[in-house]
Amino acid sequence: MWIMILTRVRILILAGIILSFLLLISGISPFDRATWLMEVAPIFIACPVLALTYRRFPLTSLLYGLIFVHAIILIVGGAYTYARVPFGFWLQDLLSLTRNPYDKIGHFAQGLVPALMAREIFLRGSYLANRKMAGFLSMCVAMAISAWYELIEWGAALVLGQGATEFLGTQGDQWDTQSDMFLAFLGALVAIAVLSRFHDRQISQSERTRPEK
């Protein structure tokens, strides 16, 4: 068991080093400095919290992995701004879209990761015993976070005016807010409907290999 814990710790440390390196590189010369700061701010908040709570409440490997991927999505979006990410232009050409869809990937992750996080807290913290109710409320949490993020974007637009254009990344789409929240809903739905069984196995494994306090 201790070998598994040590290996897991090393992987998490390596992931932290990789994210720190990517943050450093992305912050050297981003397209828009203010946008970069706003986009990567969640990483500066989440990573210290995850490190400080690791011994008391280590998350499942599945959740750590998804958080890592989500962080990379944020870093890339912050460096280029979401409307200018090269991968998004490739998707736009491939799918014959009228706009760069990279920000929709970010909003999908914004629904998927918080939903799985909420589910893990609900179940492992024994706040809810009924898994169906845990799934439903986890989706509600994810949608609440998505709604608050849209309110933050609205606030940024009011405060910064035209300077918030890159952060908003609407690309002239009048339904951008609604489609953002719909993608977050789809992400939350995938987390609960598709990943729940695997997540349950991960929770059981995590409880068995949980480090002593």
N, C-alpha and C. Protein backbone atom coordinates (compact mmCIF):
# COMPACT_ATOMS: atom_id res chain seq x y z
N MET A 1 0.82 -1.20 0.00
CA MET A 1 0.00 0.00 0.00
C MET A 1 0.86 1.26 0.00
N TRP A 2 1.93 1.24 0.82
CA TRP A 2 2.78 2.42 0.91
C TRP A 2 3.51 2.69 -0.40
N ILE A 3 3.82 1.60 -1.14
CA ILE A 3 4.45 1.79 -2.45
C ILE A 3 3.49 2.54 -3.38
N MET A 4 2.20 2.17 -3.33
CA MET A 4 1.20 2.84 -4.15
C MET A 4 1.07 4.31 -3.77
N ILE A 5 1.10 4.59 -2.46
CA ILE A 5 0.98 5.97 -1.98
C ILE A 5 2.18 6.80 -2.43
N LEU A 6 3.39 6.22 -2.28
CA LEU A 6 4.60 6.94 -2.68
C LEU A 6 4.61 7.21 -4.17
N THR A 7 4.21 6.21 -4.96
CA THR A 7 4.16 6.39 -6.41
C THR A 7 3.16 7.48 -6.77
N ARG A 8 2.01 7.46 -6.11
CA ARG A 8 0.97 8.45 -6.36
C ARG A 8 1.48 9.86 -6.02
N VAL A 9 2.18 9.99 -4.89
CA VAL A 9 2.72 11.29 -4.49
C VAL A 9 3.71 11.79 -5.52
N ARG A 10 4.57 10.91 -5.99
CA ARG A 10 5.56 11.31 -7.00
C ARG A 10 4.88 11.78 -8.29
N ILE A 11 3.83 11.08 -8.69
CA ILE A 11 3.10 11.47 -9.90
C ILE A 11 2.46 12.85 -9.72
N LEU A 12 1.88 13.08 -8.55
CA LEU A 12 1.25 14.37 -8.28
C LEU A 12 2.28 15.49 -8.24
N ILE A 13 3.45 15.21 -7.66
CA ILE A 13 4.52 16.22 -7.63
C ILE A 13 4.98 16.52 -9.05
N LEU A 14 5.13 15.47 -9.87
CA LEU A 14 5.52 15.67 -11.26
C LEU A 14 4.48 16.50 -12.00
N ALA A 15 3.20 16.20 -11.76
CA ALA A 15 2.13 16.96 -12.40
C ALA A 15 2.20 18.42 -11.98
N GLY A 16 2.50 18.67 -10.70
CA GLY A 16 2.63 20.04 -10.23
C GLY A 16 3.79 20.76 -10.88
N ILE A 17 4.89 20.06 -11.07
CA ILE A 17 6.06 20.65 -11.73
C ILE A 17 5.74 20.99 -13.18
N ILE A 18 5.05 20.07 -13.86
CA ILE A 18 4.67 20.31 -15.26
C ILE A 18 3.77 21.52 -15.38
N LEU A 19 2.77 21.60 -14.50
CA LEU A 19 1.86 22.75 -14.54
C LEU A 19 2.59 24.05 -14.24
N SER A 20 3.51 24.01 -13.29
CA SER A 20 4.28 25.21 -12.95
C SER A 20 5.11 25.67 -14.15
N PHE A 21 5.71 24.70 -14.85
CA PHE A 21 6.51 25.02 -16.04
C PHE A 21 5.63 25.61 -17.14
N LEU A 22 4.48 25.00 -17.37
CA LEU A 22 3.58 25.50 -18.41
C LEU A 22 3.05 26.89 -18.06
N LEU A 23 2.76 27.11 -16.78
CA LEU A 23 2.33 28.44 -16.35
C LEU A 23 3.40 29.48 -16.61
N LEU A 24 4.64 29.11 -16.29
CA LEU A 24 5.76 30.03 -16.50
C LEU A 24 5.91 30.37 -17.97
N ILE A 25 5.88 29.35 -18.82
CA ILE A 25 6.05 29.57 -20.26
C ILE A 25 4.90 30.41 -20.80
N SER A 26 3.68 30.08 -20.39
CA SER A 26 2.51 30.79 -20.92
C SER A 26 2.48 32.24 -20.45
N GLY A 27 3.10 32.51 -19.30
CA GLY A 27 3.06 33.85 -18.76
C GLY A 27 4.17 34.76 -19.24
N ILE A 28 5.12 34.22 -20.02
CA ILE A 28 6.24 35.04 -20.49
C ILE A 28 5.76 36.11 -21.47
N SER A 29 4.98 35.70 -22.44
CA SER A 29 4.49 36.67 -23.43
C SER A 29 3.11 36.26 -23.93
N PRO A 30 2.10 36.30 -23.06
CA PRO A 30 0.74 35.94 -23.50
C PRO A 30 0.18 36.99 -24.45
N PHE A 31 -0.85 36.62 -25.19
CA PHE A 31 -1.44 37.56 -26.14
C PHE A 31 -1.98 38.78 -25.42
N ASP A 32 -2.61 38.55 -24.27
CA ASP A 32 -3.16 39.66 -23.48
C ASP A 32 -2.91 39.34 -22.01
N ARG A 33 -2.11 40.15 -21.34
CA ARG A 33 -1.69 39.86 -19.97
C ARG A 33 -2.87 39.78 -19.00
N ALA A 34 -3.81 40.72 -19.09
CA ALA A 34 -4.96 40.72 -18.18
C ALA A 34 -5.80 39.46 -18.37
N THR A 35 -6.00 39.05 -19.62
CA THR A 35 -6.78 37.84 -19.91
C THR A 35 -6.07 36.62 -19.34
N TRP A 36 -4.76 36.57 -19.51
CA TRP A 36 -3.99 35.44 -18.98
C TRP A 36 -4.18 35.33 -17.47
N LEU A 37 -4.07 36.45 -16.77
CA LEU A 37 -4.22 36.43 -15.32
C LEU A 37 -5.60 35.95 -14.90
N MET A 38 -6.63 36.42 -15.58
CA MET A 38 -7.99 36.02 -15.22
C MET A 38 -8.25 34.56 -15.54
N GLU A 39 -7.68 34.07 -16.64
CA GLU A 39 -7.93 32.69 -17.04
C GLU A 39 -7.20 31.68 -16.15
N VAL A 40 -5.98 32.00 -15.74
CA VAL A 40 -5.20 31.04 -14.95
C VAL A 40 -5.37 31.23 -13.45
N ALA A 41 -6.12 32.24 -13.05
CA ALA A 41 -6.33 32.50 -11.62
C ALA A 41 -6.85 31.28 -10.87
N PRO A 42 -7.80 30.50 -11.45
CA PRO A 42 -8.28 29.31 -10.74
C PRO A 42 -7.17 28.32 -10.40
N ILE A 43 -6.14 28.25 -11.23
CA ILE A 43 -5.04 27.33 -10.97
C ILE A 43 -4.24 27.79 -9.75
N PHE A 44 -3.99 29.09 -9.67
CA PHE A 44 -3.25 29.63 -8.52
C PHE A 44 -4.02 29.43 -7.23
N ILE A 45 -5.33 29.33 -7.31
CA ILE A 45 -6.16 29.11 -6.13
C ILE A 45 -6.25 27.62 -5.81
N ALA A 46 -6.53 26.81 -6.83
CA ALA A 46 -6.81 25.39 -6.61
C ALA A 46 -5.59 24.59 -6.21
N CYS A 47 -4.45 24.82 -6.85
CA CYS A 47 -3.27 23.99 -6.58
C CYS A 47 -2.81 24.06 -5.12
N PRO A 48 -2.68 25.25 -4.53
CA PRO A 48 -2.31 25.29 -3.10
C PRO A 48 -3.34 24.60 -2.22
N VAL A 49 -4.63 24.76 -2.54
CA VAL A 49 -5.67 24.10 -1.75
C VAL A 49 -5.55 22.58 -1.83
N LEU A 50 -5.32 22.08 -3.02
CA LEU A 50 -5.17 20.63 -3.21
C LEU A 50 -3.94 20.10 -2.47
N ALA A 51 -2.86 20.88 -2.48
CA ALA A 51 -1.64 20.46 -1.79
C ALA A 51 -1.84 20.46 -0.27
N LEU A 52 -2.50 21.48 0.23
CA LEU A 52 -2.69 21.61 1.68
C LEU A 52 -3.68 20.58 2.24
N THR A 53 -4.60 20.14 1.42
CA THR A 53 -5.62 19.19 1.89
C THR A 53 -5.30 17.75 1.52
N TYR A 54 -4.13 17.51 0.92
CA TYR A 54 -3.85 16.16 0.42
C TYR A 54 -3.87 15.11 1.53
N ARG A 55 -3.22 15.36 2.64
CA ARG A 55 -3.16 14.35 3.69
C ARG A 55 -4.51 14.14 4.36
N ARG A 56 -5.28 15.21 4.48
CA ARG A 56 -6.57 15.10 5.16
C ARG A 56 -7.65 14.56 4.25
N PHE A 57 -7.61 14.94 2.97
CA PHE A 57 -8.66 14.52 2.05
C PHE A 57 -8.09 14.37 0.63
N PRO A 58 -7.28 13.32 0.41
CA PRO A 58 -6.74 13.11 -0.94
C PRO A 58 -7.84 12.71 -1.90
N LEU A 59 -7.84 13.28 -3.08
CA LEU A 59 -8.86 12.97 -4.07
C LEU A 59 -8.50 11.70 -4.83
N THR A 60 -9.44 11.23 -5.62
CA THR A 60 -9.18 10.05 -6.44
C THR A 60 -8.22 10.40 -7.57
N SER A 61 -7.55 9.39 -8.07
CA SER A 61 -6.62 9.61 -9.19
C SER A 61 -7.37 10.13 -10.41
N LEU A 62 -8.59 9.63 -10.62
CA LEU A 62 -9.42 10.09 -11.73
C LEU A 62 -9.63 11.60 -11.65
N LEU A 63 -9.97 12.08 -10.48
CA LEU A 63 -10.26 13.50 -10.31
C LEU A 63 -8.99 14.34 -10.44
N TYR A 64 -7.89 13.87 -9.86
CA TYR A 64 -6.62 14.60 -10.01
C TYR A 64 -6.24 14.69 -11.49
N GLY A 65 -6.44 13.61 -12.23
CA GLY A 65 -6.11 13.62 -13.65
C GLY A 65 -6.95 14.60 -14.43
N LEU A 66 -8.25 14.65 -14.14
CA LEU A 66 -9.14 15.57 -14.84
C LEU A 66 -8.84 17.02 -14.47
N ILE A 67 -8.48 17.26 -13.22
CA ILE A 67 -8.09 18.61 -12.80
C ILE A 67 -6.83 19.05 -13.55
N PHE A 68 -5.89 18.12 -13.72
CA PHE A 68 -4.66 18.41 -14.47
C PHE A 68 -4.98 18.81 -15.90
N VAL A 69 -5.85 18.04 -16.55
CA VAL A 69 -6.23 18.34 -17.94
C VAL A 69 -6.95 19.68 -18.02
N HIS A 70 -7.85 19.92 -17.07
CA HIS A 70 -8.58 21.20 -17.05
C HIS A 70 -7.61 22.36 -16.88
N ALA A 71 -6.60 22.19 -16.04
CA ALA A 71 -5.62 23.25 -15.83
C ALA A 71 -4.87 23.56 -17.12
N ILE A 72 -4.53 22.53 -17.89
CA ILE A 72 -3.84 22.75 -19.17
C ILE A 72 -4.74 23.51 -20.14
N ILE A 73 -6.03 23.16 -20.16
CA ILE A 73 -6.99 23.88 -21.00
C ILE A 73 -7.00 25.36 -20.65
N LEU A 74 -7.00 25.66 -19.35
CA LEU A 74 -7.00 27.05 -18.90
C LEU A 74 -5.71 27.76 -19.28
N ILE A 75 -4.58 27.07 -19.12
CA ILE A 75 -3.29 27.68 -19.43
C ILE A 75 -3.19 28.03 -20.91
N VAL A 76 -3.58 27.09 -21.75
CA VAL A 76 -3.52 27.33 -23.21
C VAL A 76 -4.47 28.47 -23.58
N GLY A 77 -5.69 28.44 -23.03
CA GLY A 77 -6.64 29.50 -23.32
C GLY A 77 -6.16 30.85 -22.83
N GLY A 78 -5.47 30.87 -21.70
CA GLY A 78 -4.94 32.12 -21.19
C GLY A 78 -3.79 32.66 -22.02
N ALA A 79 -2.96 31.77 -22.52
CA ALA A 79 -1.80 32.20 -23.30
C ALA A 79 -2.19 32.79 -24.65
N TYR A 80 -3.13 32.12 -25.34
CA TYR A 80 -3.52 32.57 -26.69
C TYR A 80 -4.76 33.47 -26.68
N THR A 81 -5.55 33.40 -25.61
CA THR A 81 -6.96 33.81 -25.52
C THR A 81 -7.75 32.73 -26.26
N TYR A 82 -8.93 32.44 -25.74
CA TYR A 82 -9.70 31.30 -26.25
C TYR A 82 -10.06 31.44 -27.73
N ALA A 83 -10.25 32.63 -28.19
CA ALA A 83 -10.65 32.83 -29.59
C ALA A 83 -9.49 32.63 -30.56
N ARG A 84 -8.25 32.47 -30.04
CA ARG A 84 -7.09 32.39 -30.92
C ARG A 84 -6.27 31.11 -30.73
N VAL A 85 -6.77 30.15 -29.99
CA VAL A 85 -6.03 28.91 -29.78
C VAL A 85 -5.93 28.14 -31.10
N PRO A 86 -4.73 27.77 -31.56
CA PRO A 86 -4.56 27.08 -32.84
C PRO A 86 -5.38 25.79 -32.95
N PHE A 87 -5.43 25.00 -31.89
CA PHE A 87 -6.22 23.77 -31.93
C PHE A 87 -7.69 24.07 -32.21
N GLY A 88 -8.17 25.19 -31.69
CA GLY A 88 -9.55 25.59 -31.94
C GLY A 88 -9.79 25.93 -33.40
N PHE A 89 -8.81 26.58 -34.04
CA PHE A 89 -8.95 26.87 -35.46
C PHE A 89 -8.98 25.58 -36.28
N TRP A 90 -8.18 24.59 -35.85
CA TRP A 90 -8.18 23.30 -36.54
C TRP A 90 -9.56 22.64 -36.42
N LEU A 91 -10.14 22.69 -35.22
CA LEU A 91 -11.49 22.14 -35.03
C LEU A 91 -12.52 22.92 -35.85
N GLN A 92 -12.34 24.22 -35.91
CA GLN A 92 -13.26 25.05 -36.68
C GLN A 92 -13.27 24.63 -38.15
N ASP A 93 -12.09 24.41 -38.71
CA ASP A 93 -12.00 23.98 -40.11
C ASP A 93 -12.54 22.56 -40.28
N LEU A 94 -12.20 21.68 -39.34
CA LEU A 94 -12.61 20.29 -39.44
C LEU A 94 -14.12 20.15 -39.40
N LEU A 95 -14.78 20.92 -38.52
CA LEU A 95 -16.22 20.80 -38.33
C LEU A 95 -17.01 21.86 -39.09
N SER A 96 -16.31 22.68 -39.87
CA SER A 96 -16.95 23.74 -40.66
C SER A 96 -17.78 24.67 -39.78
N LEU A 97 -17.17 25.13 -38.70
CA LEU A 97 -17.85 26.02 -37.76
C LEU A 97 -17.60 27.48 -38.13
N THR A 98 -18.40 28.37 -37.60
CA THR A 98 -18.26 29.78 -37.90
C THR A 98 -17.36 30.51 -36.91
N ARG A 99 -16.90 29.80 -35.86
CA ARG A 99 -16.07 30.43 -34.84
C ARG A 99 -15.14 29.41 -34.21
N ASN A 100 -14.11 29.88 -33.55
CA ASN A 100 -13.18 29.01 -32.83
C ASN A 100 -13.90 28.42 -31.61
N PRO A 101 -14.01 27.09 -31.52
CA PRO A 101 -14.80 26.48 -30.44
C PRO A 101 -14.00 26.09 -29.20
N TYR A 102 -12.75 26.55 -29.10
CA TYR A 102 -11.91 26.08 -27.99
C TYR A 102 -12.51 26.42 -26.64
N ASP A 103 -13.17 27.58 -26.53
CA ASP A 103 -13.74 27.96 -25.24
C ASP A 103 -14.83 26.99 -24.80
N LYS A 104 -15.49 26.33 -25.77
CA LYS A 104 -16.54 25.37 -25.42
C LYS A 104 -15.93 24.12 -24.77
N ILE A 105 -14.70 23.79 -25.16
CA ILE A 105 -13.99 22.69 -24.49
C ILE A 105 -13.76 23.05 -23.03
N GLY A 106 -13.37 24.31 -22.80
CA GLY A 106 -13.16 24.77 -21.44
C GLY A 106 -14.43 24.73 -20.61
N HIS A 107 -15.54 25.10 -21.19
CA HIS A 107 -16.80 25.10 -20.45
C HIS A 107 -17.32 23.67 -20.22
N PHE A 108 -17.03 22.77 -21.14
CA PHE A 108 -17.36 21.36 -20.92
C PHE A 108 -16.61 20.84 -19.70
N ALA A 109 -15.32 21.17 -19.63
CA ALA A 109 -14.51 20.76 -18.47
C ALA A 109 -14.99 21.46 -17.21
N GLN A 110 -15.48 22.69 -17.37
CA GLN A 110 -15.98 23.45 -16.22
C GLN A 110 -17.23 22.79 -15.62
N GLY A 111 -17.92 22.00 -16.40
CA GLY A 111 -19.05 21.24 -15.87
C GLY A 111 -18.63 19.87 -15.36
N LEU A 112 -17.75 19.21 -16.09
CA LEU A 112 -17.35 17.85 -15.76
C LEU A 112 -16.57 17.77 -14.45
N VAL A 113 -15.54 18.59 -14.32
CA VAL A 113 -14.66 18.51 -13.14
C VAL A 113 -15.37 18.90 -11.84
N PRO A 114 -16.07 20.04 -11.78
CA PRO A 114 -16.77 20.37 -10.53
C PRO A 114 -17.85 19.36 -10.16
N ALA A 115 -18.54 18.79 -11.15
CA ALA A 115 -19.56 17.79 -10.85
C ALA A 115 -18.94 16.57 -10.18
N LEU A 116 -17.82 16.11 -10.72
CA LEU A 116 -17.15 14.95 -10.14
C LEU A 116 -16.57 15.29 -8.77
N MET A 117 -16.05 16.50 -8.63
CA MET A 117 -15.53 16.95 -7.34
C MET A 117 -16.64 16.97 -6.28
N ALA A 118 -17.79 17.55 -6.64
CA ALA A 118 -18.91 17.61 -5.71
C ALA A 118 -19.38 16.21 -5.34
N ARG A 119 -19.45 15.33 -6.32
CA ARG A 119 -19.89 13.96 -6.06
C ARG A 119 -18.96 13.26 -5.07
N GLU A 120 -17.67 13.46 -5.26
CA GLU A 120 -16.70 12.83 -4.37
C GLU A 120 -16.83 13.36 -2.94
N ILE A 121 -17.01 14.66 -2.81
CA ILE A 121 -17.16 15.25 -1.48
C ILE A 121 -18.45 14.77 -0.83
N PHE A 122 -19.54 14.74 -1.59
CA PHE A 122 -20.82 14.29 -1.05
C PHE A 122 -20.74 12.85 -0.53
N LEU A 123 -20.12 11.96 -1.33
CA LEU A 123 -20.10 10.54 -0.98
C LEU A 123 -19.05 10.22 0.07
N ARG A 124 -17.85 10.72 -0.11
CA ARG A 124 -16.79 10.38 0.84
C ARG A 124 -16.95 11.10 2.17
N GLY A 125 -17.58 12.25 2.14
CA GLY A 125 -17.83 12.98 3.37
C GLY A 125 -19.09 12.50 4.09
N SER A 126 -19.76 11.51 3.50
CA SER A 126 -21.00 10.94 4.06
C SER A 126 -22.10 11.98 4.21
N TYR A 127 -22.09 12.97 3.33
CA TYR A 127 -23.16 13.96 3.35
C TYR A 127 -24.42 13.40 2.69
N LEU A 128 -24.20 12.48 1.73
CA LEU A 128 -25.33 11.85 1.05
C LEU A 128 -25.02 10.37 0.87
N ALA A 129 -25.99 9.52 1.17
CA ALA A 129 -25.81 8.09 0.98
C ALA A 129 -26.41 7.62 -0.34
N ASN A 130 -27.43 8.33 -0.80
CA ASN A 130 -28.10 7.97 -2.04
C ASN A 130 -27.30 8.50 -3.23
N ARG A 131 -26.79 7.59 -4.05
CA ARG A 131 -25.93 7.98 -5.15
C ARG A 131 -26.67 8.74 -6.25
N LYS A 132 -27.94 8.44 -6.44
CA LYS A 132 -28.71 9.17 -7.44
C LYS A 132 -28.89 10.63 -7.02
N MET A 133 -29.19 10.84 -5.76
CA MET A 133 -29.33 12.21 -5.26
C MET A 133 -27.97 12.92 -5.28
N ALA A 134 -26.91 12.19 -4.97
CA ALA A 134 -25.57 12.78 -5.03
C ALA A 134 -25.25 13.22 -6.46
N GLY A 135 -25.64 12.40 -7.43
CA GLY A 135 -25.40 12.75 -8.82
C GLY A 135 -26.19 13.99 -9.24
N PHE A 136 -27.45 14.03 -8.84
CA PHE A 136 -28.29 15.18 -9.18
C PHE A 136 -27.75 16.47 -8.57
N LEU A 137 -27.44 16.43 -7.29
CA LEU A 137 -26.94 17.64 -6.62
C LEU A 137 -25.56 18.04 -7.12
N SER A 138 -24.75 17.06 -7.54
CA SER A 138 -23.44 17.37 -8.11
C SER A 138 -23.59 18.15 -9.40
N MET A 139 -24.57 17.77 -10.21
CA MET A 139 -24.84 18.51 -11.44
C MET A 139 -25.33 19.92 -11.11
N CYS A 140 -26.13 20.04 -10.06
CA CYS A 140 -26.61 21.36 -9.63
C CYS A 140 -25.43 22.25 -9.21
N VAL A 141 -24.47 21.66 -8.49
CA VAL A 141 -23.29 22.41 -8.08
C VAL A 141 -22.51 22.89 -9.30
N ALA A 142 -22.33 21.99 -10.28
CA ALA A 142 -21.58 22.35 -11.48
C ALA A 142 -22.28 23.48 -12.24
N MET A 143 -23.61 23.42 -12.32
CA MET A 143 -24.33 24.47 -13.02
C MET A 143 -24.29 25.79 -12.26
N ALA A 144 -24.28 25.72 -10.93
CA ALA A 144 -24.16 26.94 -10.12
C ALA A 144 -22.81 27.60 -10.36
N ILE A 145 -21.75 26.78 -10.43
CA ILE A 145 -20.41 27.31 -10.69
C ILE A 145 -20.36 27.94 -12.08
N SER A 146 -20.98 27.28 -13.06
CA SER A 146 -21.02 27.82 -14.42
C SER A 146 -21.75 29.15 -14.45
N ALA A 147 -22.87 29.24 -13.72
CA ALA A 147 -23.64 30.49 -13.68
C ALA A 147 -22.82 31.60 -13.04
N TRP A 148 -22.11 31.29 -11.96
CA TRP A 148 -21.29 32.30 -11.30
C TRP A 148 -20.15 32.77 -12.20
N TYR A 149 -19.61 31.84 -12.98
CA TYR A 149 -18.53 32.22 -13.90
C TYR A 149 -19.06 33.20 -14.94
N GLU A 150 -20.27 32.96 -15.43
CA GLU A 150 -20.85 33.89 -16.39
C GLU A 150 -21.11 35.25 -15.75
N LEU A 151 -21.48 35.26 -14.48
CA LEU A 151 -21.67 36.53 -13.77
C LEU A 151 -20.34 37.26 -13.61
N ILE A 152 -19.27 36.49 -13.38
CA ILE A 152 -17.93 37.10 -13.29
C ILE A 152 -17.55 37.73 -14.63
N GLU A 153 -17.85 37.02 -15.72
CA GLU A 153 -17.58 37.58 -17.05
C GLU A 153 -18.37 38.87 -17.27
N TRP A 154 -19.63 38.87 -16.83
CA TRP A 154 -20.47 40.06 -16.95
C TRP A 154 -19.86 41.20 -16.14
N GLY A 155 -19.43 40.90 -14.92
CA GLY A 155 -18.80 41.91 -14.08
C GLY A 155 -17.54 42.47 -14.70
N ALA A 156 -16.74 41.56 -15.31
CA ALA A 156 -15.51 42.01 -15.98
C ALA A 156 -15.84 42.93 -17.14
N ALA A 157 -16.92 42.62 -17.86
CA ALA A 157 -17.32 43.45 -18.99
C ALA A 157 -17.73 44.84 -18.51
N LEU A 158 -18.43 44.90 -17.38
CA LEU A 158 -18.87 46.19 -16.85
C LEU A 158 -17.69 47.03 -16.35
N VAL A 159 -16.74 46.36 -15.70
CA VAL A 159 -15.61 47.08 -15.10
C VAL A 159 -14.56 47.46 -16.15
N LEU A 160 -14.25 46.51 -17.02
CA LEU A 160 -13.16 46.72 -17.98
C LEU A 160 -13.62 47.27 -19.32
N GLY A 161 -14.92 47.18 -19.59
CA GLY A 161 -15.42 47.67 -20.86
C GLY A 161 -14.84 46.88 -22.03
N GLN A 162 -14.32 47.58 -23.01
CA GLN A 162 -13.76 46.94 -24.20
C GLN A 162 -12.56 46.07 -23.85
N GLY A 163 -11.92 46.35 -22.72
CA GLY A 163 -10.75 45.58 -22.33
C GLY A 163 -11.07 44.15 -21.94
N ALA A 164 -12.36 43.86 -21.74
CA ALA A 164 -12.76 42.50 -21.36
C ALA A 164 -13.07 41.63 -22.57
N THR A 165 -12.92 42.17 -23.76
CA THR A 165 -13.30 41.43 -24.97
C THR A 165 -12.58 40.09 -25.08
N GLU A 166 -11.27 40.09 -24.83
CA GLU A 166 -10.50 38.85 -24.97
C GLU A 166 -10.90 37.84 -23.90
N PHE A 167 -11.20 38.31 -22.70
CA PHE A 167 -11.61 37.42 -21.61
C PHE A 167 -12.97 36.80 -21.90
N LEU A 168 -13.89 37.60 -22.43
CA LEU A 168 -15.23 37.10 -22.73
C LEU A 168 -15.20 36.10 -23.88
N GLY A 169 -14.45 36.40 -24.92
CA GLY A 169 -14.30 35.49 -26.05
C GLY A 169 -15.60 35.12 -26.74
N THR A 170 -16.53 36.05 -26.82
CA THR A 170 -17.83 35.74 -27.42
C THR A 170 -17.76 35.58 -28.93
N GLN A 171 -16.78 36.23 -29.56
CA GLN A 171 -16.59 36.15 -31.01
C GLN A 171 -17.85 36.54 -31.78
N GLY A 172 -18.60 37.49 -31.22
CA GLY A 172 -19.80 37.98 -31.90
C GLY A 172 -21.01 37.09 -31.76
N ASP A 173 -20.92 36.06 -30.93
CA ASP A 173 -22.04 35.12 -30.75
C ASP A 173 -22.98 35.65 -29.67
N GLN A 174 -24.21 36.01 -30.04
CA GLN A 174 -25.15 36.57 -29.08
C GLN A 174 -25.65 35.52 -28.08
N TRP A 175 -25.49 34.25 -28.42
CA TRP A 175 -25.92 33.16 -27.54
C TRP A 175 -24.74 32.51 -26.83
N ASP A 176 -23.64 33.22 -26.72
CA ASP A 176 -22.43 32.64 -26.15
C ASP A 176 -22.65 32.20 -24.70
N THR A 177 -23.29 33.01 -23.89
CA THR A 177 -23.53 32.67 -22.49
C THR A 177 -24.36 31.40 -22.37
N GLN A 178 -25.42 31.31 -23.16
CA GLN A 178 -26.29 30.14 -23.09
C GLN A 178 -25.57 28.88 -23.54
N SER A 179 -24.79 28.98 -24.62
CA SER A 179 -24.08 27.80 -25.10
C SER A 179 -22.97 27.39 -24.13
N ASP A 180 -22.35 28.37 -23.46
CA ASP A 180 -21.35 28.05 -22.45
C ASP A 180 -21.96 27.21 -21.33
N MET A 181 -23.11 27.63 -20.85
CA MET A 181 -23.77 26.91 -19.76
C MET A 181 -24.28 25.55 -20.22
N PHE A 182 -24.70 25.46 -21.48
CA PHE A 182 -25.14 24.16 -22.01
C PHE A 182 -23.98 23.19 -22.08
N LEU A 183 -22.80 23.67 -22.50
CA LEU A 183 -21.63 22.79 -22.55
C LEU A 183 -21.23 22.36 -21.15
N ALA A 184 -21.36 23.25 -20.17
CA ALA A 184 -21.07 22.89 -18.78
C ALA A 184 -22.06 21.82 -18.31
N PHE A 185 -23.32 21.96 -18.72
CA PHE A 185 -24.32 20.95 -18.38
C PHE A 185 -23.96 19.59 -18.99
N LEU A 186 -23.53 19.60 -20.25
CA LEU A 186 -23.13 18.35 -20.90
C LEU A 186 -21.94 17.72 -20.17
N GLY A 187 -20.98 18.55 -19.76
CA GLY A 187 -19.83 18.03 -19.02
C GLY A 187 -20.26 17.39 -17.72
N ALA A 188 -21.16 18.06 -16.98
CA ALA A 188 -21.66 17.50 -15.73
C ALA A 188 -22.42 16.21 -15.97
N LEU A 189 -23.19 16.18 -17.06
CA LEU A 189 -23.96 14.99 -17.39
C LEU A 189 -23.05 13.80 -17.68
N VAL A 190 -21.97 14.05 -18.42
CA VAL A 190 -21.00 12.99 -18.71
C VAL A 190 -20.35 12.50 -17.42
N ALA A 191 -20.02 13.43 -16.53
CA ALA A 191 -19.39 13.06 -15.26
C ALA A 191 -20.27 12.09 -14.48
N ILE A 192 -21.56 12.37 -14.42
CA ILE A 192 -22.47 11.56 -13.61
C ILE A 192 -22.94 10.31 -14.35
N ALA A 193 -23.33 10.47 -15.62
CA ALA A 193 -23.91 9.35 -16.35
C ALA A 193 -22.88 8.35 -16.87
N VAL A 194 -21.69 8.84 -17.19
CA VAL A 194 -20.68 7.98 -17.82
C VAL A 194 -19.58 7.55 -16.84
N LEU A 195 -19.14 8.46 -15.98
CA LEU A 195 -17.97 8.19 -15.14
C LEU A 195 -18.29 7.69 -13.74
N SER A 196 -19.56 7.66 -13.35
CA SER A 196 -19.91 7.35 -11.96
C SER A 196 -19.40 5.99 -11.50
N ARG A 197 -19.59 4.96 -12.30
CA ARG A 197 -19.16 3.61 -11.88
C ARG A 197 -17.65 3.55 -11.69
N PHE A 198 -16.92 4.10 -12.64
CA PHE A 198 -15.47 4.11 -12.51
C PHE A 198 -15.06 4.98 -11.32
N HIS A 199 -15.78 6.06 -11.12
CA HIS A 199 -15.50 6.95 -10.00
C HIS A 199 -15.72 6.22 -8.67
N ASP A 200 -16.77 5.41 -8.59
CA ASP A 200 -17.04 4.64 -7.36
C ASP A 200 -15.89 3.69 -7.04
N ARG A 201 -15.37 3.04 -8.08
CA ARG A 201 -14.23 2.13 -7.86
C ARG A 201 -13.01 2.92 -7.39
N GLN A 202 -12.82 4.10 -7.96
CA GLN A 202 -11.69 4.95 -7.56
C GLN A 202 -11.85 5.41 -6.11
N ILE A 203 -13.07 5.72 -5.71
CA ILE A 203 -13.32 6.14 -4.33
C ILE A 203 -12.99 5.01 -3.36
N SER A 204 -13.41 3.80 -3.69
CA SER A 204 -13.12 2.64 -2.84
C SER A 204 -11.62 2.42 -2.73
N GLN A 205 -10.92 2.53 -3.85
CA GLN A 205 -9.47 2.35 -3.84
C GLN A 205 -8.79 3.46 -3.06
N SER A 206 -9.27 4.69 -3.22
CA SER A 206 -8.68 5.83 -2.52
C SER A 206 -8.82 5.70 -1.02
N GLU A 207 -9.97 5.20 -0.56
CA GLU A 207 -10.18 5.02 0.88
C GLU A 207 -9.26 3.95 1.45
N ARG A 208 -8.97 2.91 0.66
CA ARG A 208 -8.08 1.84 1.14
C ARG A 208 -6.64 2.30 1.23
N THR A 209 -6.24 3.21 0.31
CA THR A 209 -4.82 3.62 0.27
C THR A 209 -4.63 5.02 0.85
N ARG A 210 -5.61 5.51 1.57
CA ARG A 210 -5.55 6.86 2.12
C ARG A 210 -4.41 6.96 3.14
N PRO A 211 -3.54 7.97 3.01
CA PRO A 211 -2.42 8.11 3.96
C PRO A 211 -2.94 8.43 5.36
N GLU A 212 -2.19 7.98 6.37
CA GLU A 212 -2.59 8.25 7.74
C GLU A 212 -2.40 9.72 8.06
N LYS A 213 -3.26 10.25 8.94
CA LYS A 213 -3.17 11.65 9.33
C LYS A 213 -1.99 11.85 10.28
